[in-house]
Amino acid sequence: MSTIERRQYPRSQDWHLVSFTHYDEQGEVDDQGLARTLDMSRGGLLLEMTWALPLGSWLDLELQLQDEILCLQSQVSHVEERPNGRFAVGVAFLDVSEEILERIEHQIRWLMGQ
């Protein structure tokens, strides 16, 4: 049985440190912490975290990419518990500048050897 690739953008598996600020339904900060990327694309990140976040909730991310920190707004799109007891949290980027998206895309191409 073949699987159909539904992703809009290519993804690369790459580990980067990410700090996050999570907001509740009223827009108030209710959590902060660290995560790491499992993969990334121009459209979002898959993060490994020690706890789950609610679907649809908002995050501000600071992604370390080479020698700079990129500030990204995102929304939780899916959550899956992993066998190791941690959580894979997919986030989609929101209102991210084209310049930052191009930096992420450049990193992905470099990782994929293109």
N, C-alpha and C. Protein backbone atom coordinates (compact mmCIF):
# COMPACT_ATOMS: atom_id res chain seq x y z
N MET A 1 0.84 -1.17 0.00
CA MET A 1 0.00 0.00 0.00
C MET A 1 0.89 1.24 0.00
N SER A 2 0.69 2.12 -0.95
CA SER A 2 1.50 3.33 -1.00
C SER A 2 0.84 4.44 -0.20
N THR A 3 1.68 5.33 0.29
CA THR A 3 1.14 6.48 1.01
C THR A 3 1.26 7.71 0.13
N ILE A 4 0.32 8.59 0.26
CA ILE A 4 0.31 9.82 -0.53
C ILE A 4 0.90 10.94 0.32
N GLU A 5 1.88 11.61 -0.24
CA GLU A 5 2.50 12.74 0.46
C GLU A 5 1.58 13.95 0.33
N ARG A 6 1.10 14.46 1.46
CA ARG A 6 0.17 15.58 1.46
C ARG A 6 0.84 16.88 1.91
N ARG A 7 2.09 16.84 2.25
CA ARG A 7 2.76 18.04 2.73
C ARG A 7 3.00 19.00 1.58
N GLN A 8 2.80 20.27 1.87
CA GLN A 8 2.96 21.30 0.86
C GLN A 8 4.44 21.63 0.64
N TYR A 9 5.26 21.49 1.69
CA TYR A 9 6.67 21.87 1.62
C TYR A 9 7.54 20.69 2.01
N PRO A 10 8.74 20.60 1.42
CA PRO A 10 9.67 19.54 1.84
C PRO A 10 10.09 19.75 3.30
N ARG A 11 10.35 18.65 3.97
CA ARG A 11 10.78 18.69 5.37
C ARG A 11 12.16 18.09 5.49
N SER A 12 12.90 18.60 6.45
CA SER A 12 14.20 18.00 6.77
C SER A 12 14.19 17.61 8.23
N GLN A 13 14.81 16.49 8.51
CA GLN A 13 14.97 16.09 9.90
C GLN A 13 16.21 16.78 10.42
N ASP A 14 16.00 17.58 11.45
CA ASP A 14 17.10 18.37 11.98
C ASP A 14 16.75 18.77 13.40
N TRP A 15 17.74 18.76 14.26
CA TRP A 15 17.51 19.10 15.66
C TRP A 15 18.03 20.50 15.94
N HIS A 16 17.13 21.33 16.41
CA HIS A 16 17.47 22.68 16.84
C HIS A 16 16.76 22.94 18.16
N LEU A 17 17.39 23.72 18.98
CA LEU A 17 16.79 24.12 20.24
C LEU A 17 15.74 25.20 19.99
N VAL A 18 14.59 25.07 20.65
CA VAL A 18 13.50 26.03 20.51
C VAL A 18 13.01 26.40 21.90
N SER A 19 12.94 27.69 22.18
CA SER A 19 12.25 28.11 23.41
C SER A 19 10.85 28.55 22.98
N PHE A 20 9.89 28.31 23.86
CA PHE A 20 8.51 28.64 23.49
C PHE A 20 7.80 29.34 24.63
N THR A 21 6.84 30.16 24.24
CA THR A 21 5.89 30.78 25.15
C THR A 21 4.51 30.38 24.67
N HIS A 22 3.73 29.76 25.55
CA HIS A 22 2.39 29.28 25.21
C HIS A 22 1.35 30.22 25.80
N TYR A 23 0.27 30.44 25.06
CA TYR A 23 -0.79 31.34 25.48
C TYR A 23 -2.10 30.59 25.68
N ASP A 24 -2.86 30.98 26.71
CA ASP A 24 -4.17 30.36 26.95
C ASP A 24 -5.22 31.00 26.04
N GLU A 25 -6.48 30.59 26.22
CA GLU A 25 -7.56 31.09 25.36
C GLU A 25 -7.78 32.59 25.48
N GLN A 26 -7.39 33.19 26.59
CA GLN A 26 -7.54 34.63 26.77
C GLN A 26 -6.33 35.42 26.26
N GLY A 27 -5.34 34.71 25.72
CA GLY A 27 -4.14 35.37 25.21
C GLY A 27 -3.11 35.66 26.28
N GLU A 28 -3.27 35.08 27.46
CA GLU A 28 -2.32 35.27 28.55
C GLU A 28 -1.26 34.16 28.52
N VAL A 29 -0.03 34.51 28.86
CA VAL A 29 1.04 33.51 28.95
C VAL A 29 0.69 32.52 30.05
N ASP A 30 0.69 31.22 29.69
CA ASP A 30 0.41 30.21 30.72
C ASP A 30 1.49 29.15 30.82
N ASP A 31 2.49 29.20 29.93
CA ASP A 31 3.56 28.21 29.99
C ASP A 31 4.75 28.70 29.17
N GLN A 32 5.92 28.32 29.60
CA GLN A 32 7.14 28.59 28.85
C GLN A 32 8.06 27.39 29.03
N GLY A 33 8.91 27.15 28.05
CA GLY A 33 9.82 26.03 28.18
C GLY A 33 10.72 25.88 26.97
N LEU A 34 11.36 24.72 26.91
CA LEU A 34 12.26 24.38 25.81
C LEU A 34 11.77 23.12 25.13
N ALA A 35 12.02 23.06 23.84
CA ALA A 35 11.72 21.88 23.04
C ALA A 35 12.84 21.74 22.02
N ARG A 36 12.78 20.68 21.25
CA ARG A 36 13.72 20.56 20.13
C ARG A 36 12.95 20.17 18.89
N THR A 37 13.47 20.57 17.75
CA THR A 37 12.81 20.23 16.50
C THR A 37 13.12 18.78 16.16
N LEU A 38 12.14 18.10 15.60
CA LEU A 38 12.34 16.78 15.00
C LEU A 38 12.45 16.92 13.49
N ASP A 39 11.67 17.83 12.95
CA ASP A 39 11.81 18.21 11.55
C ASP A 39 11.26 19.61 11.35
N MET A 40 11.57 20.16 10.20
CA MET A 40 11.09 21.51 9.91
C MET A 40 10.83 21.66 8.43
N SER A 41 9.96 22.61 8.12
CA SER A 41 9.66 22.97 6.74
C SER A 41 9.38 24.46 6.71
N ARG A 42 9.15 24.95 5.53
CA ARG A 42 8.80 26.36 5.35
C ARG A 42 7.46 26.67 6.02
N GLY A 43 6.62 25.66 6.22
CA GLY A 43 5.30 25.88 6.79
C GLY A 43 5.19 25.66 8.29
N GLY A 44 6.18 24.99 8.90
CA GLY A 44 6.08 24.74 10.33
C GLY A 44 7.16 23.81 10.84
N LEU A 45 6.99 23.41 12.10
CA LEU A 45 7.96 22.56 12.78
C LEU A 45 7.25 21.39 13.44
N LEU A 46 7.98 20.29 13.60
CA LEU A 46 7.55 19.22 14.47
C LEU A 46 8.48 19.26 15.68
N LEU A 47 7.90 19.51 16.85
CA LEU A 47 8.67 19.67 18.08
C LEU A 47 8.53 18.44 18.96
N GLU A 48 9.59 18.09 19.66
CA GLU A 48 9.51 17.07 20.69
C GLU A 48 9.46 17.79 22.04
N MET A 49 8.41 17.47 22.81
CA MET A 49 8.18 18.13 24.09
C MET A 49 7.90 17.08 25.15
N THR A 50 8.02 17.49 26.40
CA THR A 50 7.76 16.55 27.50
C THR A 50 6.30 16.53 27.91
N TRP A 51 5.48 17.43 27.36
CA TRP A 51 4.04 17.42 27.63
C TRP A 51 3.31 17.89 26.38
N ALA A 52 2.02 17.55 26.32
CA ALA A 52 1.19 17.92 25.17
C ALA A 52 0.67 19.34 25.33
N LEU A 53 0.39 19.97 24.22
CA LEU A 53 -0.25 21.28 24.20
C LEU A 53 -1.60 21.15 23.50
N PRO A 54 -2.57 21.97 23.87
CA PRO A 54 -3.89 21.88 23.25
C PRO A 54 -3.87 22.23 21.75
N LEU A 55 -4.62 21.48 20.97
CA LEU A 55 -4.76 21.78 19.55
C LEU A 55 -5.30 23.19 19.37
N GLY A 56 -4.77 23.88 18.38
CA GLY A 56 -5.24 25.22 18.07
C GLY A 56 -4.65 26.32 18.94
N SER A 57 -3.90 25.95 19.97
CA SER A 57 -3.34 26.98 20.84
C SER A 57 -2.15 27.67 20.17
N TRP A 58 -1.80 28.85 20.70
CA TRP A 58 -0.80 29.72 20.10
C TRP A 58 0.52 29.66 20.85
N LEU A 59 1.60 29.73 20.07
CA LEU A 59 2.96 29.72 20.63
C LEU A 59 3.79 30.81 19.96
N ASP A 60 4.62 31.45 20.75
CA ASP A 60 5.72 32.24 20.21
C ASP A 60 6.96 31.37 20.36
N LEU A 61 7.71 31.23 19.29
CA LEU A 61 8.90 30.38 19.29
C LEU A 61 10.14 31.22 19.03
N GLU A 62 11.23 30.79 19.63
CA GLU A 62 12.56 31.32 19.30
C GLU A 62 13.39 30.13 18.89
N LEU A 63 13.68 30.05 17.60
CA LEU A 63 14.38 28.92 16.98
C LEU A 63 15.83 29.30 16.74
N GLN A 64 16.74 28.51 17.31
CA GLN A 64 18.15 28.74 17.03
C GLN A 64 18.48 28.07 15.71
N LEU A 65 18.90 28.88 14.75
CA LEU A 65 19.24 28.39 13.42
C LEU A 65 20.60 28.95 13.06
N GLN A 66 21.59 28.09 13.09
CA GLN A 66 22.98 28.48 12.91
C GLN A 66 23.35 29.51 13.96
N ASP A 67 23.78 30.70 13.55
CA ASP A 67 24.25 31.68 14.53
C ASP A 67 23.21 32.77 14.84
N GLU A 68 21.95 32.50 14.56
CA GLU A 68 20.92 33.49 14.85
C GLU A 68 19.69 32.85 15.51
N ILE A 69 18.89 33.70 16.11
CA ILE A 69 17.65 33.28 16.73
C ILE A 69 16.51 33.86 15.90
N LEU A 70 15.62 32.98 15.40
CA LEU A 70 14.47 33.42 14.63
C LEU A 70 13.24 33.42 15.53
N CYS A 71 12.47 34.51 15.50
CA CYS A 71 11.24 34.63 16.29
C CYS A 71 10.07 34.30 15.38
N LEU A 72 9.25 33.33 15.80
CA LEU A 72 8.17 32.81 14.97
C LEU A 72 6.89 32.71 15.77
N GLN A 73 5.79 33.11 15.17
CA GLN A 73 4.48 32.87 15.77
C GLN A 73 3.93 31.60 15.14
N SER A 74 3.27 30.78 15.95
CA SER A 74 2.78 29.51 15.43
C SER A 74 1.52 29.08 16.17
N GLN A 75 0.87 28.04 15.59
CA GLN A 75 -0.33 27.47 16.18
C GLN A 75 -0.19 25.95 16.15
N VAL A 76 -0.60 25.30 17.24
CA VAL A 76 -0.51 23.84 17.35
C VAL A 76 -1.51 23.21 16.37
N SER A 77 -0.99 22.37 15.47
CA SER A 77 -1.84 21.74 14.46
C SER A 77 -2.11 20.27 14.75
N HIS A 78 -1.20 19.60 15.43
CA HIS A 78 -1.44 18.21 15.83
C HIS A 78 -0.49 17.81 16.96
N VAL A 79 -0.92 16.80 17.72
CA VAL A 79 -0.14 16.31 18.86
C VAL A 79 -0.23 14.79 18.86
N GLU A 80 0.91 14.14 19.08
CA GLU A 80 0.94 12.68 19.12
C GLU A 80 1.88 12.24 20.24
N GLU A 81 1.41 11.32 21.07
CA GLU A 81 2.29 10.78 22.10
C GLU A 81 3.24 9.79 21.45
N ARG A 82 4.50 9.86 21.81
CA ARG A 82 5.53 8.98 21.25
C ARG A 82 5.80 7.82 22.20
N PRO A 83 6.38 6.75 21.71
CA PRO A 83 6.67 5.59 22.58
C PRO A 83 7.57 5.90 23.77
N ASN A 84 8.40 6.95 23.66
CA ASN A 84 9.31 7.30 24.75
C ASN A 84 8.62 8.14 25.84
N GLY A 85 7.28 8.36 25.71
CA GLY A 85 6.55 9.13 26.70
C GLY A 85 6.56 10.64 26.45
N ARG A 86 7.28 11.07 25.45
CA ARG A 86 7.28 12.48 25.08
C ARG A 86 6.20 12.72 24.01
N PHE A 87 6.07 13.96 23.58
CA PHE A 87 5.03 14.30 22.63
C PHE A 87 5.63 14.96 21.40
N ALA A 88 5.13 14.56 20.23
CA ALA A 88 5.46 15.22 18.98
C ALA A 88 4.35 16.24 18.74
N VAL A 89 4.72 17.51 18.72
CA VAL A 89 3.76 18.60 18.59
C VAL A 89 4.05 19.32 17.28
N GLY A 90 3.11 19.24 16.35
CA GLY A 90 3.24 19.92 15.08
C GLY A 90 2.70 21.33 15.19
N VAL A 91 3.48 22.30 14.70
CA VAL A 91 3.04 23.69 14.72
C VAL A 91 3.15 24.27 13.32
N ALA A 92 2.17 25.08 12.98
CA ALA A 92 2.16 25.80 11.70
C ALA A 92 2.52 27.25 11.96
N PHE A 93 3.35 27.81 11.09
CA PHE A 93 3.76 29.20 11.23
C PHE A 93 2.61 30.14 10.90
N LEU A 94 2.56 31.28 11.60
CA LEU A 94 1.57 32.33 11.37
C LEU A 94 2.30 33.66 11.23
N ASP A 95 1.94 34.46 10.29
CA ASP A 95 2.48 35.81 10.14
C ASP A 95 4.01 35.86 10.24
N VAL A 96 4.67 34.99 9.52
CA VAL A 96 6.14 34.97 9.51
C VAL A 96 6.61 35.65 8.23
N SER A 97 7.60 36.51 8.36
CA SER A 97 8.08 37.27 7.20
C SER A 97 8.70 36.34 6.15
N GLU A 98 8.64 36.80 4.93
CA GLU A 98 9.23 36.05 3.82
C GLU A 98 10.73 35.87 4.05
N GLU A 99 11.39 36.85 4.61
CA GLU A 99 12.84 36.76 4.89
C GLU A 99 13.15 35.59 5.83
N ILE A 100 12.37 35.46 6.87
CA ILE A 100 12.59 34.36 7.83
C ILE A 100 12.27 33.02 7.17
N LEU A 101 11.19 32.96 6.40
CA LEU A 101 10.85 31.72 5.70
C LEU A 101 11.95 31.31 4.74
N GLU A 102 12.55 32.27 4.07
CA GLU A 102 13.66 31.97 3.16
C GLU A 102 14.87 31.45 3.92
N ARG A 103 15.13 31.96 5.12
CA ARG A 103 16.25 31.44 5.93
C ARG A 103 15.99 29.99 6.32
N ILE A 104 14.77 29.69 6.69
CA ILE A 104 14.42 28.30 7.04
C ILE A 104 14.56 27.40 5.82
N GLU A 105 14.05 27.87 4.69
CA GLU A 105 14.14 27.09 3.45
C GLU A 105 15.59 26.87 3.04
N HIS A 106 16.43 27.88 3.19
CA HIS A 106 17.86 27.75 2.89
C HIS A 106 18.49 26.65 3.76
N GLN A 107 18.16 26.65 5.05
CA GLN A 107 18.68 25.63 5.96
C GLN A 107 18.24 24.24 5.53
N ILE A 108 17.00 24.11 5.12
CA ILE A 108 16.46 22.81 4.69
C ILE A 108 17.19 22.34 3.45
N ARG A 109 17.36 23.22 2.46
CA ARG A 109 18.09 22.85 1.24
C ARG A 109 19.52 22.43 1.57
N TRP A 110 20.17 23.17 2.45
CA TRP A 110 21.54 22.82 2.86
C TRP A 110 21.59 21.44 3.50
N LEU A 111 20.63 21.16 4.37
CA LEU A 111 20.58 19.85 5.05
C LEU A 111 20.31 18.72 4.06
N MET A 112 19.54 19.00 3.04
CA MET A 112 19.19 17.98 2.06
C MET A 112 20.23 17.90 0.94
N GLY A 113 21.29 18.71 1.04
CA GLY A 113 22.38 18.65 0.07
C GLY A 113 22.02 19.23 -1.28
N GLN A 114 21.13 20.19 -1.31
CA GLN A 114 20.71 20.79 -2.58
C GLN A 114 21.32 22.16 -2.75
